[in-house]
PDB file of N, CA and C in Angstrom:
ATOM      1  N   MET A   1     -79.066 -64.119 -80.185  1.00  0.00           N
ATOM      2  CA  MET A   1     -79.093 -65.648 -79.856  1.00  0.00           C
ATOM      3  C   MET A   1     -78.182 -65.893 -78.398  1.00  0.00           C
ATOM      4  N   LEU A   2     -77.022 -65.276 -78.460  1.00  0.00           N
ATOM      5  CA  LEU A   2     -76.423 -65.541 -77.029  1.00  0.00           C
ATOM      6  C   LEU A   2     -77.330 -65.111 -75.736  1.00  0.00           C
ATOM      7  N   ASP A   3     -77.978 -63.996 -75.694  1.00  0.00           N
ATOM      8  CA  ASP A   3     -78.761 -63.513 -74.914  1.00  0.00           C
ATOM      9  C   ASP A   3     -80.095 -64.209 -74.736  1.00  0.00           C
ATOM     10  N   THR A   4     -80.593 -65.021 -75.668  1.00  0.00           N
ATOM     11  CA  THR A   4     -81.734 -65.887 -75.685  1.00  0.00           C
ATOM     12  C   THR A   4     -81.248 -67.058 -74.904  1.00  0.00           C
ATOM     13  N   ASP A   5     -80.239 -67.475 -74.992  1.00  0.00           N
ATOM     14  CA  ASP A   5     -79.586 -68.804 -74.521  1.00  0.00           C
ATOM     15  C   ASP A   5     -79.616 -68.553 -72.980  1.00  0.00           C
ATOM     16  N   PHE A   6     -78.887 -67.192 -72.662  1.00  0.00           N
ATOM     17  CA  PHE A   6     -78.723 -66.829 -71.258  1.00  0.00           C
ATOM     18  C   PHE A   6     -80.210 -66.829 -70.672  1.00  0.00           C
ATOM     19  N   ASP A   7     -81.230 -66.291 -71.308  1.00  0.00           N
ATOM     20  CA  ASP A   7     -82.446 -66.362 -70.867  1.00  0.00           C
ATOM     21  C   ASP A   7     -83.035 -67.795 -70.330  1.00  0.00           C
ATOM     22  N   ILE A   8     -82.598 -68.711 -71.034  1.00  0.00           N
ATOM     23  CA  ILE A   8     -82.949 -70.058 -70.838  1.00  0.00           C
ATOM     24  C   ILE A   8     -82.328 -70.510 -69.463  1.00  0.00           C
ATOM     25  N   PHE A   9     -80.990 -70.240 -69.492  1.00  0.00           N
ATOM     26  CA  PHE A   9     -80.141 -70.420 -68.318  1.00  0.00           C
ATOM     27  C   PHE A   9     -80.709 -69.798 -67.219  1.00  0.00           C
ATOM     28  N   TRP A  10     -80.902 -68.542 -67.117  1.00  0.00           N
ATOM     29  CA  TRP A  10     -81.538 -67.674 -66.175  1.00  0.00           C
ATOM     30  C   TRP A  10     -82.855 -68.371 -65.520  1.00  0.00           C
ATOM     31  N   LYS A  11     -83.702 -68.616 -66.191  1.00  0.00           N
ATOM     32  CA  LYS A  11     -84.883 -69.204 -65.961  1.00  0.00           C
ATOM     33  C   LYS A  11     -84.739 -70.661 -65.168  1.00  0.00           C
ATOM     34  N   ALA A  12     -83.878 -71.304 -65.625  1.00  0.00           N
ATOM     35  CA  ALA A  12     -83.281 -72.824 -64.910  1.00  0.00           C
ATOM     36  C   ALA A  12     -82.637 -72.555 -63.600  1.00  0.00           C
ATOM     37  N   TYR A  13     -81.944 -71.649 -63.563  1.00  0.00           N
ATOM     38  CA  TYR A  13     -80.927 -71.466 -62.433  1.00  0.00           C
ATOM     39  C   TYR A  13     -81.918 -70.911 -61.145  1.00  0.00           C
ATOM     40  N   PRO A  14     -81.886 -71.653 -60.117  1.00  0.00           N
ATOM     41  CA  PRO A  14     -82.866 -71.407 -59.121  1.00  0.00           C
ATOM     42  C   PRO A  14     -82.543 -70.012 -58.160  1.00  0.00           C
ATOM     43  N   LYS A  15     -81.485 -69.525 -58.231  1.00  0.00           N
ATOM     44  CA  LYS A  15     -81.148 -68.431 -57.504  1.00  0.00           C
ATOM     45  C   LYS A  15     -80.655 -67.265 -58.207  1.00  0.00           C
ATOM     46  N   ARG A  16     -81.851 -66.521 -58.526  1.00  0.00           N
ATOM     47  CA  ARG A  16     -81.640 -65.330 -59.517  1.00  0.00           C
ATOM     48  C   ARG A  16     -81.440 -64.256 -59.027  1.00  0.00           C
ATOM     49  N   GLN A  17     -80.097 -63.888 -58.810  1.00  0.00           N
ATOM     50  CA  GLN A  17     -79.573 -62.711 -58.135  1.00  0.00           C
ATOM     51  C   GLN A  17     -78.293 -62.339 -59.194  1.00  0.00           C
ATOM     52  N   ALA A  18     -78.228 -60.864 -59.283  1.00  0.00           N
ATOM     53  CA  ALA A  18     -76.959 -60.319 -59.905  1.00  0.00           C
ATOM     54  C   ALA A  18     -77.121 -60.774 -61.250  1.00  0.00           C
ATOM     55  N   ARG A  19     -78.067 -60.388 -62.101  1.00  0.00           N
ATOM     56  CA  ARG A  19     -78.337 -60.718 -63.503  1.00  0.00           C
ATOM     57  C   ARG A  19     -77.226 -60.188 -64.334  1.00  0.00           C
ATOM     58  N   LYS A  20     -76.995 -58.916 -64.205  1.00  0.00           N
ATOM     59  CA  LYS A  20     -75.955 -58.155 -65.008  1.00  0.00           C
ATOM     60  C   LYS A  20     -74.672 -58.913 -64.844  1.00  0.00           C
ATOM     61  N   ASP A  21     -74.210 -59.298 -63.657  1.00  0.00           N
ATOM     62  CA  ASP A  21     -72.743 -60.023 -63.663  1.00  0.00           C
ATOM     63  C   ASP A  21     -73.119 -61.397 -64.149  1.00  0.00           C
ATOM     64  N   ALA A  22     -74.178 -62.233 -64.132  1.00  0.00           N
ATOM     65  CA  ALA A  22     -74.424 -63.360 -64.745  1.00  0.00           C
ATOM     66  C   ALA A  22     -74.271 -63.222 -66.209  1.00  0.00           C
ATOM     67  N   LEU A  23     -75.050 -62.272 -66.676  1.00  0.00           N
ATOM     68  CA  LEU A  23     -74.832 -62.095 -68.177  1.00  0.00           C
ATOM     69  C   LEU A  23     -73.473 -61.784 -68.616  1.00  0.00           C
ATOM     70  N   ARG A  24     -72.772 -61.011 -67.916  1.00  0.00           N
ATOM     71  CA  ARG A  24     -71.287 -60.785 -68.306  1.00  0.00           C
ATOM     72  C   ARG A  24     -70.495 -62.179 -68.380  1.00  0.00           C
ATOM     73  N   ALA A  25     -70.846 -62.878 -67.336  1.00  0.00           N
ATOM     74  CA  ALA A  25     -69.807 -64.242 -67.262  1.00  0.00           C
ATOM     75  C   ALA A  25     -70.356 -65.189 -68.338  1.00  0.00           C
ATOM     76  N   TRP A  26     -71.694 -65.169 -68.761  1.00  0.00           N
ATOM     77  CA  TRP A  26     -72.131 -65.925 -69.942  1.00  0.00           C
ATOM     78  C   TRP A  26     -71.586 -65.362 -70.966  1.00  0.00           C
ATOM     79  N   ARG A  27     -71.485 -64.158 -71.522  1.00  0.00           N
ATOM     80  CA  ARG A  27     -71.010 -63.671 -72.602  1.00  0.00           C
ATOM     81  C   ARG A  27     -69.380 -64.054 -72.678  1.00  0.00           C
ATOM     82  N   ARG A  28     -68.681 -63.950 -71.613  1.00  0.00           N
ATOM     83  CA  ARG A  28     -67.326 -64.257 -71.713  1.00  0.00           C
ATOM     84  C   ARG A  28     -67.210 -65.827 -71.908  1.00  0.00           C
ATOM     85  N   LEU A  29     -68.066 -66.694 -71.279  1.00  0.00           N
ATOM     86  CA  LEU A  29     -67.939 -68.097 -71.438  1.00  0.00           C
ATOM     87  C   LEU A  29     -68.358 -68.456 -72.941  1.00  0.00           C
ATOM     88  N   ARG A  30     -69.207 -67.681 -73.550  1.00  0.00           N
ATOM     89  CA  ARG A  30     -69.505 -68.037 -74.982  1.00  0.00           C
ATOM     90  C   ARG A  30     -69.788 -69.593 -75.082  1.00  0.00           C
ATOM     91  N   PRO A  31     -70.891 -70.124 -74.440  1.00  0.00           N
ATOM     92  CA  PRO A  31     -70.972 -71.519 -74.343  1.00  0.00           C
ATOM     93  C   PRO A  31     -71.616 -72.186 -75.732  1.00  0.00           C
ATOM     94  N   THR A  32     -70.999 -73.295 -75.985  1.00  0.00           N
ATOM     95  CA  THR A  32     -71.529 -74.029 -77.266  1.00  0.00           C
ATOM     96  C   THR A  32     -72.948 -74.583 -77.064  1.00  0.00           C
ATOM     97  N   ALA A  33     -73.590 -75.206 -77.802  1.00  0.00           N
ATOM     98  CA  ALA A  33     -74.851 -75.864 -77.909  1.00  0.00           C
ATOM     99  C   ALA A  33     -74.592 -76.984 -76.703  1.00  0.00           C
ATOM    100  N   ALA A  34     -73.620 -77.581 -76.962  1.00  0.00           N
ATOM    101  CA  ALA A  34     -73.320 -78.831 -76.085  1.00  0.00           C
ATOM    102  C   ALA A  34     -73.035 -78.458 -74.578  1.00  0.00           C
ATOM    103  N   THR A  35     -72.394 -77.367 -74.349  1.00  0.00           N
ATOM    104  CA  THR A  35     -72.046 -76.763 -73.114  1.00  0.00           C
ATOM    105  C   THR A  35     -73.330 -76.229 -72.481  1.00  0.00           C
ATOM    106  N   GLN A  36     -74.172 -75.655 -73.135  1.00  0.00           N
ATOM    107  CA  GLN A  36     -75.594 -75.230 -72.558  1.00  0.00           C
ATOM    108  C   GLN A  36     -76.438 -76.369 -72.322  1.00  0.00           C
ATOM    109  N   GLN A  37     -76.442 -77.405 -73.111  1.00  0.00           N
ATOM    110  CA  GLN A  37     -77.024 -78.693 -72.720  1.00  0.00           C
ATOM    111  C   GLN A  37     -76.515 -79.329 -71.266  1.00  0.00           C
ATOM    112  N   ALA A  38     -75.210 -79.324 -71.305  1.00  0.00           N
ATOM    113  CA  ALA A  38     -74.463 -79.867 -70.035  1.00  0.00           C
ATOM    114  C   ALA A  38     -74.901 -79.123 -68.720  1.00  0.00           C
ATOM    115  N   ILE A  39     -74.841 -77.629 -69.020  1.00  0.00           N
ATOM    116  CA  ILE A  39     -75.263 -76.869 -67.665  1.00  0.00           C
ATOM    117  C   ILE A  39     -76.877 -77.314 -67.293  1.00  0.00           C
ATOM    118  N   LEU A  40     -77.708 -77.499 -68.440  1.00  0.00           N
ATOM    119  CA  LEU A  40     -79.061 -77.703 -67.896  1.00  0.00           C
ATOM    120  C   LEU A  40     -79.266 -79.118 -67.459  1.00  0.00           C
ATOM    121  N   GLU A  41     -78.592 -79.817 -67.865  1.00  0.00           N
ATOM    122  CA  GLU A  41     -78.416 -81.287 -67.215  1.00  0.00           C
ATOM    123  C   GLU A  41     -77.962 -81.307 -65.867  1.00  0.00           C
ATOM    124  N   ALA A  42     -76.936 -80.549 -65.852  1.00  0.00           N
ATOM    125  CA  ALA A  42     -76.233 -80.560 -64.309  1.00  0.00           C
ATOM    126  C   ALA A  42     -77.174 -79.959 -63.224  1.00  0.00           C
ATOM    127  N   LEU A  43     -77.796 -78.926 -63.821  1.00  0.00           N
ATOM    128  CA  LEU A  43     -78.870 -78.056 -62.926  1.00  0.00           C
ATOM    129  C   LEU A  43     -79.805 -79.138 -62.365  1.00  0.00           C
ATOM    130  N   ALA A  44     -80.433 -79.990 -63.310  1.00  0.00           N
ATOM    131  CA  ALA A  44     -81.345 -80.877 -62.827  1.00  0.00           C
ATOM    132  C   ALA A  44     -81.060 -81.775 -61.629  1.00  0.00           C
ATOM    133  N   TRP A  45     -79.807 -82.204 -61.396  1.00  0.00           N
ATOM    134  CA  TRP A  45     -79.362 -83.006 -60.498  1.00  0.00           C
ATOM    135  C   TRP A  45     -78.827 -82.185 -59.279  1.00  0.00           C
ATOM    136  N   GLN A  46     -78.235 -80.827 -59.537  1.00  0.00           N
ATOM    137  CA  GLN A  46     -77.631 -80.233 -58.605  1.00  0.00           C
ATOM    138  C   GLN A  46     -78.580 -79.512 -57.751  1.00  0.00           C
ATOM    139  N   VAL A  47     -79.680 -79.212 -58.163  1.00  0.00           N
ATOM    140  CA  VAL A  47     -80.575 -78.414 -57.507  1.00  0.00           C
ATOM    141  C   VAL A  47     -82.028 -78.972 -57.483  1.00  0.00           C
ATOM    142  N   PRO A  48     -82.154 -79.933 -56.592  1.00  0.00           N
ATOM    143  CA  PRO A  48     -83.497 -80.763 -56.507  1.00  0.00           C
ATOM    144  C   PRO A  48     -84.452 -79.814 -55.845  1.00  0.00           C
ATOM    145  N   GLY A  49     -85.670 -80.124 -56.073  1.00  0.00           N
ATOM    146  CA  GLY A  49     -86.530 -79.332 -55.667  1.00  0.00           C
ATOM    147  C   GLY A  49     -86.911 -79.219 -54.015  1.00  0.00           C
ATOM    148  N   GLY A  50     -87.148 -78.049 -53.600  1.00  0.00           N
ATOM    149  CA  GLY A  50     -87.276 -77.771 -52.230  1.00  0.00           C
ATOM    150  C   GLY A  50     -85.658 -77.539 -51.452  1.00  0.00           C
ATOM    151  N   THR A  51     -84.809 -77.349 -52.207  1.00  0.00           N
ATOM    152  CA  THR A  51     -83.440 -77.196 -51.714  1.00  0.00           C
ATOM    153  C   THR A  51     -83.306 -75.835 -51.029  1.00  0.00           C
ATOM    154  N   ASP A  52     -82.588 -75.645 -50.005  1.00  0.00           N
ATOM    155  CA  ASP A  52     -82.416 -74.425 -49.210  1.00  0.00           C
ATOM    156  C   ASP A  52     -81.124 -73.816 -50.189  1.00  0.00           C
ATOM    157  N   LEU A  53     -81.404 -72.792 -50.595  1.00  0.00           N
ATOM    158  CA  LEU A  53     -80.447 -72.096 -51.569  1.00  0.00           C
ATOM    159  C   LEU A  53     -79.598 -71.102 -50.793  1.00  0.00           C
ATOM    160  N   THR A  54     -79.498 -71.032 -49.364  1.00  0.00           N
ATOM    161  CA  THR A  54     -78.783 -70.075 -48.730  1.00  0.00           C
ATOM    162  C   THR A  54     -77.253 -70.257 -49.132  1.00  0.00           C
ATOM    163  N   TYR A  55     -76.655 -71.415 -49.365  1.00  0.00           N
ATOM    164  CA  TYR A  55     -75.339 -71.391 -49.791  1.00  0.00           C
ATOM    165  C   TYR A  55     -74.943 -71.812 -51.075  1.00  0.00           C
ATOM    166  N   ALA A  56     -76.125 -71.641 -52.096  1.00  0.00           N
ATOM    167  CA  ALA A  56     -75.916 -71.867 -53.391  1.00  0.00           C
ATOM    168  C   ALA A  56     -75.179 -70.544 -53.952  1.00  0.00           C
ATOM    169  N   PRO A  57     -74.189 -70.977 -54.875  1.00  0.00           N
ATOM    170  CA  PRO A  57     -73.457 -69.868 -55.766  1.00  0.00           C
ATOM    171  C   PRO A  57     -74.291 -68.894 -56.510  1.00  0.00           C
ATOM    172  N   LEU A  58     -73.910 -67.619 -56.655  1.00  0.00           N
ATOM    173  CA  LEU A  58     -74.751 -67.032 -57.507  1.00  0.00           C
ATOM    174  C   LEU A  58     -74.478 -67.314 -58.985  1.00  0.00           C
ATOM    175  N   PRO A  59     -75.447 -67.008 -59.771  1.00  0.00           N
ATOM    176  CA  PRO A  59     -75.366 -67.446 -61.205  1.00  0.00           C
ATOM    177  C   PRO A  59     -74.026 -67.404 -61.794  1.00  0.00           C
ATOM    178  N   ALA A  60     -73.342 -66.020 -61.610  1.00  0.00           N
ATOM    179  CA  ALA A  60     -72.151 -65.807 -62.360  1.00  0.00           C
ATOM    180  C   ALA A  60     -71.009 -66.592 -61.720  1.00  0.00           C
ATOM    181  N   THR A  61     -70.975 -66.719 -60.297  1.00  0.00           N
ATOM    182  CA  THR A  61     -70.035 -67.626 -59.772  1.00  0.00           C
ATOM    183  C   THR A  61     -69.902 -69.074 -60.305  1.00  0.00           C
ATOM    184  N   TYR A  62     -71.103 -69.494 -60.594  1.00  0.00           N
ATOM    185  CA  TYR A  62     -71.551 -70.830 -61.135  1.00  0.00           C
ATOM    186  C   TYR A  62     -70.936 -70.867 -62.462  1.00  0.00           C
ATOM    187  N   LEU A  63     -71.091 -70.011 -63.235  1.00  0.00           N
ATOM    188  CA  LEU A  63     -70.586 -69.996 -64.555  1.00  0.00           C
ATOM    189  C   LEU A  63     -69.160 -70.016 -64.756  1.00  0.00           C
ATOM    190  N   ARG A  64     -68.602 -68.873 -63.892  1.00  0.00           N
ATOM    191  CA  ARG A  64     -67.105 -68.753 -64.053  1.00  0.00           C
ATOM    192  C   ARG A  64     -66.341 -69.732 -63.464  1.00  0.00           C
ATOM    193  N   GLY A  65     -66.909 -70.545 -62.411  1.00  0.00           N
ATOM    194  CA  GLY A  65     -66.376 -71.873 -61.740  1.00  0.00           C
ATOM    195  C   GLY A  65     -66.614 -72.939 -62.503  1.00  0.00           C
ATOM    196  N   GLU A  66     -67.338 -73.004 -63.595  1.00  0.00           N
ATOM    197  CA  GLU A  66     -67.716 -74.007 -64.415  1.00  0.00           C
ATOM    198  C   GLU A  66     -68.121 -75.134 -63.495  1.00  0.00           C
ATOM    199  N   ARG A  67     -69.224 -74.823 -62.619  1.00  0.00           N
ATOM    200  CA  ARG A  67     -69.716 -75.777 -61.717  1.00  0.00           C
ATOM    201  C   ARG A  67     -70.663 -76.883 -62.236  1.00  0.00           C
ATOM    202  N   TRP A  68     -70.974 -76.956 -63.437  1.00  0.00           N
ATOM    203  CA  TRP A  68     -71.780 -77.920 -64.134  1.00  0.00           C
ATOM    204  C   TRP A  68     -70.854 -79.036 -64.379  1.00  0.00           C
ATOM    205  N   THR A  69     -69.423 -78.888 -64.356  1.00  0.00           N
ATOM    206  CA  THR A  69     -68.682 -80.129 -64.371  1.00  0.00           C
ATOM    207  C   THR A  69     -68.323 -80.707 -63.115  1.00  0.00           C
ATOM    208  N   ASP A  70     -68.906 -80.289 -61.985  1.00  0.00           N
ATOM    209  CA  ASP A  70     -68.880 -81.064 -60.786  1.00  0.00           C
ATOM    210  C   ASP A  70     -69.469 -82.431 -60.740  1.00  0.00           C
ATOM    211  N   GLU A  71     -68.843 -83.319 -59.993  1.00  0.00           N
ATOM    212  CA  GLU A  71     -69.296 -84.851 -59.979  1.00  0.00           C
ATOM    213  C   GLU A  71     -70.398 -84.636 -58.764  1.00  0.00           C
ATOM    214  N   PRO A  72     -71.352 -85.629 -58.814  1.00  0.00           N
ATOM    215  CA  PRO A  72     -72.391 -85.628 -57.846  1.00  0.00           C
ATOM    216  C   PRO A  72     -71.646 -86.220 -56.627  1.00  0.00           C
ATOM    217  N   LEU A  73     -72.152 -85.675 -55.498  1.00  0.00           N
ATOM    218  CA  LEU A  73     -71.690 -86.134 -54.110  1.00  0.00           C
ATOM    219  C   LEU A  73     -72.291 -87.446 -53.990  1.00  0.00           C
ATOM    220  N   THR A  74     -71.430 -88.330 -53.342  1.00  0.00           N
ATOM    221  CA  THR A  74     -71.834 -89.885 -52.989  1.00  0.00           C
ATOM    222  C   THR A  74     -71.830 -89.783 -51.519  1.00  0.00           C
ATOM    223  N   VAL A  75     -73.086 -90.276 -51.021  1.00  0.00           N
ATOM    224  CA  VAL A  75     -73.247 -90.437 -49.613  1.00  0.00           C
ATOM    225  C   VAL A  75     -72.917 -91.837 -49.225  1.00  0.00           C
ATOM    226  N   ALA A  76     -72.097 -92.013 -48.230  1.00  0.00           N
ATOM    227  CA  ALA A  76     -71.471 -93.299 -47.862  1.00  0.00           C
ATOM    228  C   ALA A  76     -72.549 -94.163 -46.874  1.00  0.00           C
ATOM    229  N   ASP A  77     -72.652 -95.329 -47.048  1.00  0.00           N
ATOM    230  CA  ASP A  77     -73.704 -96.059 -46.031  1.00  0.00           C
ATOM    231  C   ASP A  77     -73.255 -95.755 -44.710  1.00  0.00           C
ATOM    232  N   PRO A  78     -74.113 -95.460 -43.738  1.00  0.00           N
ATOM    233  CA  PRO A  78     -73.750 -95.109 -42.233  1.00  0.00           C
ATOM    234  C   PRO A  78     -73.134 -96.322 -41.802  1.00  0.00           C
ATOM    235  N   VAL A  79     -72.261 -96.216 -41.028  1.00  0.00           N
ATOM    236  CA  VAL A  79     -71.438 -97.205 -40.249  1.00  0.00           C
ATOM    237  C   VAL A  79     -71.698 -96.917 -38.627  1.00  0.00           C
ATOM    238  N   ASP A  80     -71.896 -97.837 -37.809  1.00  0.00           N
ATOM    239  CA  ASP A  80     -71.998 -97.785 -36.454  1.00  0.00           C
ATOM    240  C   ASP A  80     -70.896 -96.960 -35.754  1.00  0.00           C
ATOM    241  N   THR A  81     -70.969 -95.743 -35.496  1.00  0.00           N
ATOM    242  CA  THR A  81     -69.849 -95.169 -34.965  1.00  0.00           C
ATOM    243  C   THR A  81     -69.356 -95.472 -33.695  1.00  0.00           C
ATOM    244  N   ARG A  82     -70.316 -96.329 -32.890  1.00  0.00           N
ATOM    245  CA  ARG A  82     -69.591 -96.918 -31.569  1.00  0.00           C
ATOM    246  C   ARG A  82     -68.380 -97.914 -32.035  1.00  0.00           C
ATOM    247  N   LEU A  83     -68.338 -98.247 -33.133  1.00  0.00           N
ATOM    248  CA  LEU A  83     -67.346 -99.400 -33.284  1.00  0.00           C
ATOM    249  C   LEU A  83     -65.992 -98.609 -33.391  1.00  0.00           C
ATOM    250  N   PRO A  84     -64.856 -99.104 -33.156  1.00  0.00           N
ATOM    251  CA  PRO A  84     -63.626 -98.658 -33.367  1.00  0.00           C
ATOM    252  C   PRO A  84     -63.205 -98.400 -34.879  1.00  0.00           C
ATOM    253  N   ALA A  85     -62.445 -97.489 -35.016  1.00  0.00           N
ATOM    254  CA  ALA A  85     -62.048 -97.074 -36.392  1.00  0.00           C
ATOM    255  C   ALA A  85     -61.588 -98.172 -37.438  1.00  0.00           C
ATOM    256  N   TRP A  86     -60.902 -99.309 -36.760  1.00  0.00           N
ATOM    257  CA  TRP A  86     -60.487-100.428 -37.585  1.00  0.00           C
ATOM    258  C   TRP A  86     -61.677-101.187 -38.044  1.00  0.00           C
ATOM    259  N   ALA A  87     -62.775-101.211 -36.961  1.00  0.00           N
ATOM    260  CA  ALA A  87     -63.747-102.154 -37.340  1.00  0.00           C
ATOM    261  C   ALA A  87     -64.662-101.401 -38.333  1.00  0.00           C
ATOM    262  N   GLN A  88     -64.807-100.114 -38.490  1.00  0.00           N
ATOM    263  CA  GLN A  88     -65.534 -99.270 -39.387  1.00  0.00           C
ATOM    264  C   GLN A  88     -65.074 -99.366 -40.694  1.00  0.00           C
ATOM    265  N   ALA A  89     -63.646 -99.267 -40.773  1.00  0.00           N
ATOM    266  CA  ALA A  89     -62.911 -99.576 -42.119  1.00  0.00           C
ATOM    267  C   ALA A  89     -63.148-101.004 -42.542  1.00  0.00           C
ATOM    268  N   ALA A  90     -63.230-101.937 -41.673  1.00  0.00           N
ATOM    269  CA  ALA A  90     -63.658-103.456 -42.139  1.00  0.00           C
ATOM    270  C   ALA A  90     -64.878-103.474 -42.765  1.00  0.00           C
ATOM    271  N   VAL A  91     -66.031-102.795 -41.963  1.00  0.00           N
ATOM    272  CA  VAL A  91     -67.296-102.789 -42.510  1.00  0.00           C
ATOM    273  C   VAL A  91     -67.383-102.208 -43.940  1.00  0.00           C
ATOM    274  N   ARG A  92     -66.682-101.035 -44.056  1.00  0.00           N
ATOM    275  CA  ARG A  92     -66.843-100.440 -45.242  1.00  0.00           C
ATOM    276  C   ARG A  92     -66.165-101.198 -46.491  1.00  0.00           C
ATOM    277  N   ALA A  93     -65.144-101.925 -46.164  1.00  0.00           N
ATOM    278  CA  ALA A  93     -64.452-102.703 -47.145  1.00  0.00           C
ATOM    279  C   ALA A  93     -65.258-103.904 -47.293  1.00  0.00           C
ATOM    280  N   ARG A  94     -66.090-104.376 -46.510  1.00  0.00           N
ATOM    281  CA  ARG A  94     -66.682-105.572 -46.803  1.00  0.00           C
ATOM    282  C   ARG A  94     -68.120-105.110 -47.691  1.00  0.00           C
ATOM    283  N   ARG A  95     -68.463-103.865 -47.662  1.00  0.00           N
ATOM    284  CA  ARG A  95     -69.557-103.453 -48.387  1.00  0.00           C
ATOM    285  C   ARG A  95     -69.138-103.212 -49.882  1.00  0.00           C
ATOM    286  N   ALA A  96     -68.041-102.867 -49.999  1.00  0.00           N
ATOM    287  CA  ALA A  96     -67.500-102.473 -51.305  1.00  0.00           C
ATOM    288  C   ALA A  96     -67.203-103.647 -52.347  1.00  0.00           C
TER     289      ALA A  96
END
């Protein structure tokens, strides 16, 4: 059962390298059904289609680092960088 659940993770993870190391990390993790679901849900937003995977972690690193618990990055609204720092801060504060 544990290996079958790993196969589901393996198919969902976009960078399929070092399978043996990833399987070892999966077995050490012993994820519950809730953890498995959290991993798959996180992968859905962490790896959008067409993403460059050059700097994506290997699957074992992802599992050992519990990267599914990472929070999504927020992109700040651009502020005119020609403004002085105090004016940029005021614009950001007004938008908040």
